[in-house]
PDB file of all heavy atoms in Angstrom:
ATOM      1  N   VAL A   1      -1.707  25.368  -5.764  1.00  0.00           N
ATOM      2  CA  VAL A   1      -1.842  24.329  -6.792  1.00  0.00           C
ATOM      3  C   VAL A   1      -1.499  24.889  -8.188  1.00  0.00           C
ATOM      4  O   VAL A   1      -0.784  24.251  -8.930  1.00  0.00           O
ATOM      5  CB  VAL A   1      -3.262  23.725  -6.802  1.00  0.00           C
ATOM      6  CG1 VAL A   1      -3.497  22.827  -8.026  1.00  0.00           C
ATOM      7  CG2 VAL A   1      -3.491  22.876  -5.523  1.00  0.00           C
ATOM      8  N   ARG A   2      -1.999  26.077  -8.467  1.00  0.00           N
ATOM      9  CA  ARG A   2      -1.696  26.701  -9.758  1.00  0.00           C
ATOM     10  C   ARG A   2      -0.204  26.933  -9.886  1.00  0.00           C
ATOM     11  O   ARG A   2       0.404  26.670 -10.935  1.00  0.00           O
ATOM     12  CB  ARG A   2      -2.452  28.021  -9.908  1.00  0.00           C
ATOM     13  CG  ARG A   2      -3.939  27.832 -10.265  1.00  0.00           C
ATOM     14  CD  ARG A   2      -4.511  29.138 -10.749  1.00  0.00           C
ATOM     15  NE  ARG A   2      -4.564  30.144  -9.694  1.00  0.00           N
ATOM     16  CZ  ARG A   2      -5.605  30.329  -8.886  1.00  0.00           C
ATOM     17  NH1 ARG A   2      -6.663  29.601  -9.004  1.00  0.00           N
ATOM     18  NH2 ARG A   2      -5.574  31.315  -7.963  1.00  0.00           N
ATOM     19  N   GLY A   3       0.402  27.433  -8.803  1.00  0.00           N
ATOM     20  CA  GLY A   3       1.870  27.670  -8.838  1.00  0.00           C
ATOM     21  C   GLY A   3       2.656  26.388  -9.039  1.00  0.00           C
ATOM     22  O   GLY A   3       3.626  26.339  -9.761  1.00  0.00           O
ATOM     23  N   HIS A   4       2.216  25.308  -8.363  1.00  0.00           N
ATOM     24  CA  HIS A   4       2.876  24.020  -8.517  1.00  0.00           C
ATOM     25  C   HIS A   4       2.775  23.531  -9.973  1.00  0.00           C
ATOM     26  O   HIS A   4       3.734  23.005 -10.500  1.00  0.00           O
ATOM     27  CB  HIS A   4       2.265  23.012  -7.562  1.00  0.00           C
ATOM     28  CG  HIS A   4       2.739  21.602  -7.857  1.00  0.00           C
ATOM     29  ND1 HIS A   4       3.979  21.141  -7.491  1.00  0.00           N
ATOM     30  CD2 HIS A   4       2.148  20.553  -8.505  1.00  0.00           C
ATOM     31  CE1 HIS A   4       4.134  19.900  -7.886  1.00  0.00           C
ATOM     32  NE2 HIS A   4       3.042  19.542  -8.523  1.00  0.00           N
ATOM     33  N   ARG A   5       1.614  23.695 -10.549  1.00  0.00           N
ATOM     34  CA  ARG A   5       1.418  23.215 -11.927  1.00  0.00           C
ATOM     35  C   ARG A   5       2.313  23.962 -12.884  1.00  0.00           C
ATOM     36  O   ARG A   5       2.897  23.381 -13.817  1.00  0.00           O
ATOM     37  CB  ARG A   5      -0.042  23.354 -12.330  1.00  0.00           C
ATOM     38  CG  ARG A   5      -0.940  22.310 -11.674  1.00  0.00           C
ATOM     39  CD  ARG A   5      -2.348  22.386 -12.216  1.00  0.00           C
ATOM     40  NE  ARG A   5      -3.140  21.263 -11.722  1.00  0.00           N
ATOM     41  CZ  ARG A   5      -4.408  21.087 -12.030  1.00  0.00           C
ATOM     42  NH1 ARG A   5      -5.044  21.972 -12.849  1.00  0.00           N
ATOM     43  NH2 ARG A   5      -5.088  20.068 -11.557  1.00  0.00           N
ATOM     44  N   ARG A   6       2.440  25.286 -12.699  1.00  0.00           N
ATOM     45  CA  ARG A   6       3.346  26.038 -13.561  1.00  0.00           C
ATOM     46  C   ARG A   6       4.761  25.579 -13.423  1.00  0.00           C
ATOM     47  O   ARG A   6       5.503  25.421 -14.388  1.00  0.00           O
ATOM     48  CB  ARG A   6       3.218  27.542 -13.230  1.00  0.00           C
ATOM     49  CG  ARG A   6       1.934  28.209 -13.727  1.00  0.00           C
ATOM     50  CD  ARG A   6       2.002  29.698 -13.643  1.00  0.00           C
ATOM     51  NE  ARG A   6       2.118  30.170 -12.274  1.00  0.00           N
ATOM     52  CZ  ARG A   6       1.092  30.492 -11.495  1.00  0.00           C
ATOM     53  NH1 ARG A   6      -0.166  30.383 -11.962  1.00  0.00           N
ATOM     54  NH2 ARG A   6       1.277  30.913 -10.266  1.00  0.00           N
ATOM     55  N   ALA A   7       5.197  25.376 -12.147  1.00  0.00           N
ATOM     56  CA  ALA A   7       6.561  24.902 -11.894  1.00  0.00           C
ATOM     57  C   ALA A   7       6.771  23.515 -12.460  1.00  0.00           C
ATOM     58  O   ALA A   7       7.849  23.214 -13.016  1.00  0.00           O
ATOM     59  CB  ALA A   7       6.842  24.926 -10.382  1.00  0.00           C
ATOM     60  N   ALA A   8       5.734  22.660 -12.353  1.00  0.00           N
ATOM     61  CA  ALA A   8       5.845  21.281 -12.891  1.00  0.00           C
ATOM     62  C   ALA A   8       5.991  21.301 -14.386  1.00  0.00           C
ATOM     63  O   ALA A   8       6.802  20.516 -14.925  1.00  0.00           O
ATOM     64  CB  ALA A   8       4.649  20.468 -12.467  1.00  0.00           C
ATOM     65  N   ARG A   9       5.285  22.181 -15.058  1.00  0.00           N
ATOM     66  CA  ARG A   9       5.398  22.235 -16.525  1.00  0.00           C
ATOM     67  C   ARG A   9       6.809  22.705 -16.950  1.00  0.00           C
ATOM     68  O   ARG A   9       7.391  22.142 -17.874  1.00  0.00           O
ATOM     69  CB  ARG A   9       4.328  23.204 -17.083  1.00  0.00           C
ATOM     70  CG  ARG A   9       2.926  22.600 -17.118  1.00  0.00           C
ATOM     71  CD  ARG A   9       2.011  23.444 -17.963  1.00  0.00           C
ATOM     72  NE  ARG A   9       1.752  24.756 -17.389  1.00  0.00           N
ATOM     73  CZ  ARG A   9       0.730  25.019 -16.577  1.00  0.00           C
ATOM     74  NH1 ARG A   9      -0.135  24.061 -16.258  1.00  0.00           N
ATOM     75  NH2 ARG A   9       0.544  26.220 -16.116  1.00  0.00           N
ATOM     76  N   ARG A  10       7.359  23.673 -16.187  1.00  0.00           N
ATOM     77  CA  ARG A  10       8.713  24.086 -16.521  1.00  0.00           C
ATOM     78  C   ARG A  10       9.727  22.998 -16.233  1.00  0.00           C
ATOM     79  O   ARG A  10      10.669  22.775 -17.036  1.00  0.00           O
ATOM     80  CB  ARG A  10       9.069  25.335 -15.685  1.00  0.00           C
ATOM     81  CG  ARG A  10       8.328  26.599 -16.094  1.00  0.00           C
ATOM     82  CD  ARG A  10       8.937  27.835 -15.469  1.00  0.00           C
ATOM     83  NE  ARG A  10       8.840  27.819 -14.029  1.00  0.00           N
ATOM     84  CZ  ARG A  10       7.849  28.367 -13.319  1.00  0.00           C
ATOM     85  NH1 ARG A  10       6.820  28.946 -13.962  1.00  0.00           N
ATOM     86  NH2 ARG A  10       7.840  28.323 -11.989  1.00  0.00           N
ATOM     87  N   ARG A  11       9.515  22.240 -15.135  1.00  0.00           N
ATOM     88  CA  ARG A  11      10.441  21.161 -14.778  1.00  0.00           C
ATOM     89  C   ARG A  11      10.366  20.027 -15.820  1.00  0.00           C
ATOM     90  O   ARG A  11      11.395  19.489 -16.229  1.00  0.00           O
ATOM     91  CB  ARG A  11      10.101  20.647 -13.391  1.00  0.00           C
ATOM     92  CG  ARG A  11      11.068  19.578 -12.875  1.00  0.00           C
ATOM     93  CD  ARG A  11      10.831  19.308 -11.394  1.00  0.00           C
ATOM     94  NE  ARG A  11       9.490  18.877 -11.094  1.00  0.00           N
ATOM     95  CZ  ARG A  11       8.571  19.617 -10.500  1.00  0.00           C
ATOM     96  NH1 ARG A  11       8.851  20.872 -10.109  1.00  0.00           N
ATOM     97  NH2 ARG A  11       7.367  19.182 -10.232  1.00  0.00           N
ATOM     98  N   GLU A  12       9.144  19.702 -16.238  1.00  0.00           N
ATOM     99  CA  GLU A  12       8.995  18.635 -17.242  1.00  0.00           C
ATOM    100  C   GLU A  12       9.656  19.032 -18.548  1.00  0.00           C
ATOM    101  O   GLU A  12      10.254  18.195 -19.228  1.00  0.00           O
ATOM    102  CB  GLU A  12       7.506  18.356 -17.408  1.00  0.00           C
ATOM    103  CG  GLU A  12       6.889  17.628 -16.230  1.00  0.00           C
ATOM    104  CD  GLU A  12       5.378  17.542 -16.327  1.00  0.00           C
ATOM    105  OE1 GLU A  12       4.820  18.001 -17.351  1.00  0.00           O
ATOM    106  OE2 GLU A  12       4.747  17.041 -15.398  1.00  0.00           O
ATOM    107  N   ALA A  13       9.510  20.286 -18.920  1.00  0.00           N
ATOM    108  CA  ALA A  13      10.158  20.723 -20.175  1.00  0.00           C
ATOM    109  C   ALA A  13      11.670  20.604 -20.084  1.00  0.00           C
ATOM    110  O   ALA A  13      12.312  20.200 -21.056  1.00  0.00           O
ATOM    111  CB  ALA A  13       9.728  22.168 -20.453  1.00  0.00           C
ATOM    112  N   ALA A  14      12.219  20.934 -18.892  1.00  0.00           N
ATOM    113  CA  ALA A  14      13.638  20.811 -18.728  1.00  0.00           C
ATOM    114  C   ALA A  14      14.099  19.353 -18.722  1.00  0.00           C
ATOM    115  O   ALA A  14      15.121  18.992 -19.303  1.00  0.00           O
ATOM    116  CB  ALA A  14      14.069  21.480 -17.408  1.00  0.00           C
ATOM    117  N   LEU A  15      13.310  18.500 -18.091  1.00  0.00           N
ATOM    118  CA  LEU A  15      13.666  17.067 -18.032  1.00  0.00           C
ATOM    119  C   LEU A  15      13.605  16.398 -19.393  1.00  0.00           C
ATOM    120  O   LEU A  15      14.384  15.475 -19.677  1.00  0.00           O
ATOM    121  CB  LEU A  15      12.753  16.333 -17.051  1.00  0.00           C
ATOM    122  CG  LEU A  15      12.906  16.651 -15.554  1.00  0.00           C
ATOM    123  CD1 LEU A  15      11.847  15.971 -14.739  1.00  0.00           C
ATOM    124  CD2 LEU A  15      14.300  16.203 -15.099  1.00  0.00           C
ATOM    125  N   ARG A  16      12.718  16.857 -20.259  1.00  0.00           N
ATOM    126  CA  ARG A  16      12.626  16.275 -21.590  1.00  0.00           C
ATOM    127  C   ARG A  16      13.905  16.535 -22.406  1.00  0.00           C
ATOM    128  O   ARG A  16      14.155  15.813 -23.392  1.00  0.00           O
ATOM    129  CB  ARG A  16      11.404  16.823 -22.305  1.00  0.00           C
ATOM    130  CG  ARG A  16      10.087  16.183 -21.882  1.00  0.00           C
ATOM    131  CD  ARG A  16       8.989  16.483 -22.862  1.00  0.00           C
ATOM    132  NE  ARG A  16       8.666  17.904 -22.919  1.00  0.00           N
ATOM    133  CZ  ARG A  16       7.755  18.478 -22.139  1.00  0.00           C
ATOM    134  NH1 ARG A  16       7.047  17.754 -21.296  1.00  0.00           N
ATOM    135  NH2 ARG A  16       7.507  19.766 -22.255  1.00  0.00           N
ATOM    136  N   ARG A  17      14.644  17.515 -21.981  1.00  0.00           N
ATOM    137  CA  ARG A  17      15.905  17.814 -22.712  1.00  0.00           C
ATOM    138  C   ARG A  17      17.068  16.999 -22.206  1.00  0.00           C
ATOM    139  O   ARG A  17      18.163  17.076 -22.747  1.00  0.00           O
ATOM    140  CB  ARG A  17      16.220  19.326 -22.592  1.00  0.00           C
ATOM    141  CG  ARG A  17      15.165  20.232 -23.239  1.00  0.00           C
ATOM    142  CD  ARG A  17      15.686  21.661 -23.366  1.00  0.00           C
ATOM    143  NE  ARG A  17      15.795  22.324 -22.086  1.00  0.00           N
ATOM    144  CZ  ARG A  17      14.797  23.010 -21.519  1.00  0.00           C
ATOM    145  NH1 ARG A  17      13.611  23.138 -22.142  1.00  0.00           N
ATOM    146  NH2 ARG A  17      14.956  23.594 -20.355  1.00  0.00           N
ATOM    147  N   LEU A  18      16.863  16.209 -21.129  1.00  0.00           N
ATOM    148  CA  LEU A  18      17.923  15.379 -20.529  1.00  0.00           C
ATOM    149  C   LEU A  18      17.823  13.967 -21.045  1.00  0.00           C
ATOM    150  O   LEU A  18      16.738  13.470 -21.429  1.00  0.00           O
ATOM    151  CB  LEU A  18      17.786  15.399 -19.008  1.00  0.00           C
ATOM    152  CG  LEU A  18      17.973  16.760 -18.306  1.00  0.00           C
ATOM    153  CD1 LEU A  18      17.717  16.592 -16.830  1.00  0.00           C
ATOM    154  CD2 LEU A  18      19.345  17.336 -18.556  1.00  0.00           C
ATOM    155  N   PRO A  19      18.953  13.222 -21.061  1.00  0.00           N
ATOM    156  CA  PRO A  19      18.878  11.787 -21.392  1.00  0.00           C
ATOM    157  C   PRO A  19      18.112  11.020 -20.370  1.00  0.00           C
ATOM    158  O   PRO A  19      18.054  11.403 -19.186  1.00  0.00           O
ATOM    159  CB  PRO A  19      20.358  11.387 -21.409  1.00  0.00           C
ATOM    160  CG  PRO A  19      21.061  12.371 -20.535  1.00  0.00           C
ATOM    161  CD  PRO A  19      20.332  13.666 -20.722  1.00  0.00           C
ATOM    162  N   PRO A  20      17.467   9.904 -20.741  1.00  0.00           N
ATOM    163  CA  PRO A  20      16.646   9.134 -19.789  1.00  0.00           C
ATOM    164  C   PRO A  20      17.497   8.531 -18.651  1.00  0.00           C
ATOM    165  O   PRO A  20      18.645   8.138 -18.874  1.00  0.00           O
ATOM    166  CB  PRO A  20      16.029   8.023 -20.663  1.00  0.00           C
ATOM    167  CG  PRO A  20      16.911   7.927 -21.821  1.00  0.00           C
ATOM    168  CD  PRO A  20      17.477   9.327 -22.073  1.00  0.00           C
ATOM    169  N   LEU A  21      16.888   8.462 -17.453  1.00  0.00           N
ATOM    170  CA  LEU A  21      17.562   7.869 -16.313  1.00  0.00           C
ATOM    171  C   LEU A  21      17.299   6.392 -16.241  1.00  0.00           C
ATOM    172  O   LEU A  21      16.284   5.893 -16.749  1.00  0.00           O
ATOM    173  CB  LEU A  21      17.055   8.529 -15.006  1.00  0.00           C
ATOM    174  CG  LEU A  21      17.344  10.031 -14.877  1.00  0.00           C
ATOM    175  CD1 LEU A  21      16.652  10.527 -13.624  1.00  0.00           C
ATOM    176  CD2 LEU A  21      18.828  10.249 -14.772  1.00  0.00           C
ATOM    177  N   PRO A  22      18.196   5.598 -15.650  1.00  0.00           N
ATOM    178  CA  PRO A  22      17.890   4.158 -15.501  1.00  0.00           C
ATOM    179  C   PRO A  22      16.681   3.908 -14.606  1.00  0.00           C
ATOM    180  O   PRO A  22      16.416   4.673 -13.680  1.00  0.00           O
ATOM    181  CB  PRO A  22      19.194   3.622 -14.823  1.00  0.00           C
ATOM    182  CG  PRO A  22      19.811   4.824 -14.152  1.00  0.00           C
ATOM    183  CD  PRO A  22      19.489   5.983 -15.077  1.00  0.00           C
ATOM    184  N   VAL A  23      15.931   2.853 -14.893  1.00  0.00           N
ATOM    185  CA  VAL A  23      14.729   2.534 -14.130  1.00  0.00           C
ATOM    186  C   VAL A  23      15.086   1.981 -12.776  1.00  0.00           C
ATOM    187  O   VAL A  23      15.917   1.070 -12.674  1.00  0.00           O
ATOM    188  CB  VAL A  23      13.851   1.525 -14.928  1.00  0.00           C
ATOM    189  CG1 VAL A  23      12.628   1.121 -14.121  1.00  0.00           C
ATOM    190  CG2 VAL A  23      13.468   2.108 -16.271  1.00  0.00           C
ATOM    191  N   GLU A  24      14.501   2.499 -11.708  1.00  0.00           N
ATOM    192  CA  GLU A  24      14.743   2.044 -10.358  1.00  0.00           C
ATOM    193  C   GLU A  24      13.685   1.018  -9.968  1.00  0.00           C
ATOM    194  O   GLU A  24      12.544   1.115 -10.428  1.00  0.00           O
ATOM    195  CB  GLU A  24      14.732   3.216  -9.359  1.00  0.00           C
ATOM    196  CG  GLU A  24      15.814   4.229  -9.592  1.00  0.00           C
ATOM    197  CD  GLU A  24      17.200   3.689  -9.315  1.00  0.00           C
ATOM    198  OE1 GLU A  24      17.302   2.722  -8.527  1.00  0.00           O
ATOM    199  OE2 GLU A  24      18.178   4.207  -9.885  1.00  0.00           O
ATOM    200  N   PRO A  25      14.001   0.068  -9.097  1.00  0.00           N
ATOM    201  CA  PRO A  25      12.995  -0.909  -8.649  1.00  0.00           C
ATOM    202  C   PRO A  25      11.871  -0.234  -7.886  1.00  0.00           C
ATOM    203  O   PRO A  25      12.130   0.764  -7.156  1.00  0.00           O
ATOM    204  CB  PRO A  25      13.790  -1.863  -7.752  1.00  0.00           C
ATOM    205  CG  PRO A  25      15.005  -1.098  -7.345  1.00  0.00           C
ATOM    206  CD  PRO A  25      15.309  -0.191  -8.496  1.00  0.00           C
ATOM    207  N   ASP A  26      10.654  -0.698  -7.991  1.00  0.00           N
ATOM    208  CA  ASP A  26       9.487  -0.158  -7.297  1.00  0.00           C
ATOM    209  C   ASP A  26       9.389  -0.787  -5.925  1.00  0.00           C
ATOM    210  O   ASP A  26       9.163  -2.003  -5.813  1.00  0.00           O
ATOM    211  CB  ASP A  26       8.243  -0.432  -8.101  1.00  0.00           C
ATOM    212  CG  ASP A  26       6.995   0.242  -7.511  1.00  0.00           C
ATOM    213  OD1 ASP A  26       7.156   0.924  -6.477  1.00  0.00           O
ATOM    214  OD2 ASP A  26       5.912   0.063  -8.057  1.00  0.00           O
ATOM    215  N   LEU A  27       9.525   0.001  -4.857  1.00  0.00           N
ATOM    216  CA  LEU A  27       9.461  -0.481  -3.490  1.00  0.00           C
ATOM    217  C   LEU A  27       8.247   0.053  -2.773  1.00  0.00           C
ATOM    218  O   LEU A  27       8.339   0.572  -1.669  1.00  0.00           O
ATOM    219  CB  LEU A  27      10.739  -0.121  -2.735  1.00  0.00           C
ATOM    220  CG  LEU A  27      12.047  -0.582  -3.390  1.00  0.00           C
ATOM    221  CD1 LEU A  27      13.246  -0.049  -2.593  1.00  0.00           C
ATOM    222  CD2 LEU A  27      12.094  -2.108  -3.479  1.00  0.00           C
ATOM    223  N   ALA A  28       7.080  -0.029  -3.403  1.00  0.00           N
ATOM    224  CA  ALA A  28       5.875   0.638  -2.869  1.00  0.00           C
ATOM    225  C   ALA A  28       4.924  -0.283  -2.109  1.00  0.00           C
ATOM    226  O   ALA A  28       3.783   0.105  -1.881  1.00  0.00           O
ATOM    227  CB  ALA A  28       5.114   1.282  -4.050  1.00  0.00           C
ATOM    228  N   ASP A  29       5.352  -1.469  -1.720  1.00  0.00           N
ATOM    229  CA  ASP A  29       4.440  -2.383  -1.069  1.00  0.00           C
ATOM    230  C   ASP A  29       3.859  -1.795   0.222  1.00  0.00           C
ATOM    231  O   ASP A  29       2.677  -1.979   0.514  1.00  0.00           O
ATOM    232  CB  ASP A  29       5.152  -3.712  -0.719  1.00  0.00           C
ATOM    233  CG  ASP A  29       5.427  -4.554  -1.954  1.00  0.00           C
ATOM    234  OD1 ASP A  29       4.810  -4.254  -2.985  1.00  0.00           O
ATOM    235  OD2 ASP A  29       6.241  -5.489  -1.851  1.00  0.00           O
ATOM    236  N   GLU A  30       4.663  -1.105   1.006  1.00  0.00           N
ATOM    237  CA  GLU A  30       4.175  -0.581   2.262  1.00  0.00           C
ATOM    238  C   GLU A  30       3.239   0.585   2.103  1.00  0.00           C
ATOM    239  O   GLU A  30       2.633   1.029   3.067  1.00  0.00           O
ATOM    240  CB  GLU A  30       5.351  -0.198   3.197  1.00  0.00           C
ATOM    241  CG  GLU A  30       6.105   1.072   2.757  1.00  0.00           C
ATOM    242  CD  GLU A  30       7.155   0.790   1.717  1.00  0.00           C
ATOM    243  OE1 GLU A  30       7.156  -0.333   1.169  1.00  0.00           O
ATOM    244  OE2 GLU A  30       7.992   1.676   1.482  1.00  0.00           O
ATOM    245  N   VAL A  31       3.136   1.112   0.908  1.00  0.00           N
ATOM    246  CA  VAL A  31       2.223   2.246   0.648  1.00  0.00           C
ATOM    247  C   VAL A  31       1.167   1.842  -0.337  1.00  0.00           C
ATOM    248  O   VAL A  31       0.734   2.656  -1.124  1.00  0.00           O
ATOM    249  CB  VAL A  31       2.991   3.507   0.220  1.00  0.00           C
ATOM    250  CG1 VAL A  31       3.839   4.053   1.325  1.00  0.00           C
ATOM    251  CG2 VAL A  31       3.818   3.223  -1.012  1.00  0.00           C
TER     252      VAL A  31
END
């Protein structure tokens, strides 16, 4: 869990430097 959190923080920092992606439809009814 600690390793995942460190990786997630690095990934989020990288994503913040990218332009926003188009919003996809939410298909979560079955879950």
